Amino acid sequence: MEIDTKIKEALEKRAYGFEIEEKEFIKNKNNENTGRIKVTKKYIPPDVTALRTILQLKQAGKW
């Protein structure tokens, strides 16, 4: 994949918001791993700066 395409996709993702999964090992009271994993979904909200950048690039005809 071309670097410009990767950058464009990353910028769009940040501009529109996205969801991620965080994984955490569950430990017991002795701080030892139990072999279980806790998965938490988090929503990363849209970023105004990324949105502004996309709009500026579109208006300049570079998008």
Protein backbone atom coordinates (compact mmCIF):
# COMPACT_ATOMS: atom_id res chain seq x y z
CA MET A 1 0.00 0.00 0.00
CA GLU A 2 1.30 3.41 -0.94
CA ILE A 3 2.30 5.72 1.93
CA ASP A 4 -0.05 8.49 0.74
CA THR A 5 -2.97 6.06 0.88
CA LYS A 6 -2.02 4.98 4.40
CA ILE A 7 -1.82 8.59 5.56
CA LYS A 8 -5.15 9.44 3.94
CA GLU A 9 -6.86 6.45 5.58
CA ALA A 10 -5.37 7.29 9.00
CA LEU A 11 -6.47 10.92 8.71
CA GLU A 12 -10.01 9.91 7.69
CA LYS A 13 -10.20 7.44 10.55
CA ARG A 14 -9.15 10.11 13.05
CA ALA A 15 -11.47 12.69 11.50
CA TYR A 16 -14.60 10.54 11.71
CA GLY A 17 -13.90 8.69 14.96
CA PHE A 18 -13.40 4.96 15.46
CA GLU A 19 -13.65 2.14 17.96
CA ILE A 20 -10.73 0.18 19.41
CA GLU A 21 -10.40 -2.86 21.64
CA GLU A 22 -8.07 -2.73 24.63
CA LYS A 23 -6.91 -6.04 26.06
CA GLU A 24 -5.73 -6.41 29.64
CA PHE A 25 -4.48 -9.49 31.45
CA ILE A 26 -6.50 -10.19 34.58
CA LYS A 27 -4.32 -10.66 37.65
CA ASN A 28 -5.12 -12.14 41.04
CA LYS A 29 -4.53 -10.48 44.40
CA ASN A 30 -0.87 -11.60 44.30
CA ASN A 31 -0.43 -9.69 41.02
CA GLU A 32 -0.03 -12.93 39.04
CA ASN A 33 -1.63 -13.52 35.64
CA THR A 34 -4.74 -15.69 35.81
CA GLY A 35 -4.63 -16.58 32.10
CA ARG A 36 -7.78 -14.56 31.42
CA ILE A 37 -8.00 -11.44 29.31
CA LYS A 38 -10.42 -8.55 29.76
CA VAL A 39 -11.45 -6.90 26.48
CA THR A 40 -12.80 -3.35 26.63
CA LYS A 41 -14.15 -1.47 23.64
CA LYS A 42 -13.39 2.25 23.52
CA TYR A 43 -14.71 4.88 21.16
CA ILE A 44 -12.21 7.47 19.98
CA PRO A 45 -14.23 10.59 19.07
CA PRO A 46 -13.67 12.61 15.89
CA ASP A 47 -10.78 15.05 15.93
CA VAL A 48 -11.51 18.63 14.85
CA THR A 49 -7.98 19.24 13.59
CA ALA A 50 -8.17 16.18 11.32
CA LEU A 51 -11.54 17.32 9.98
CA ARG A 52 -10.16 20.80 9.30
CA THR A 53 -7.16 19.33 7.49
CA ILE A 54 -9.39 17.21 5.23
CA LEU A 55 -11.55 20.22 4.36
CA GLN A 56 -8.49 22.34 3.56
CA LEU A 57 -7.03 19.62 1.32
CA LYS A 58 -10.34 19.15 -0.50
CA GLN A 59 -10.67 22.88 -1.13
CA ALA A 60 -7.12 23.02 -2.46
CA GLY A 61 -7.94 20.19 -4.87
CA LYS A 62 -5.35 17.86 -3.35
CA TRP A 63 -7.71 15.20 -2.02
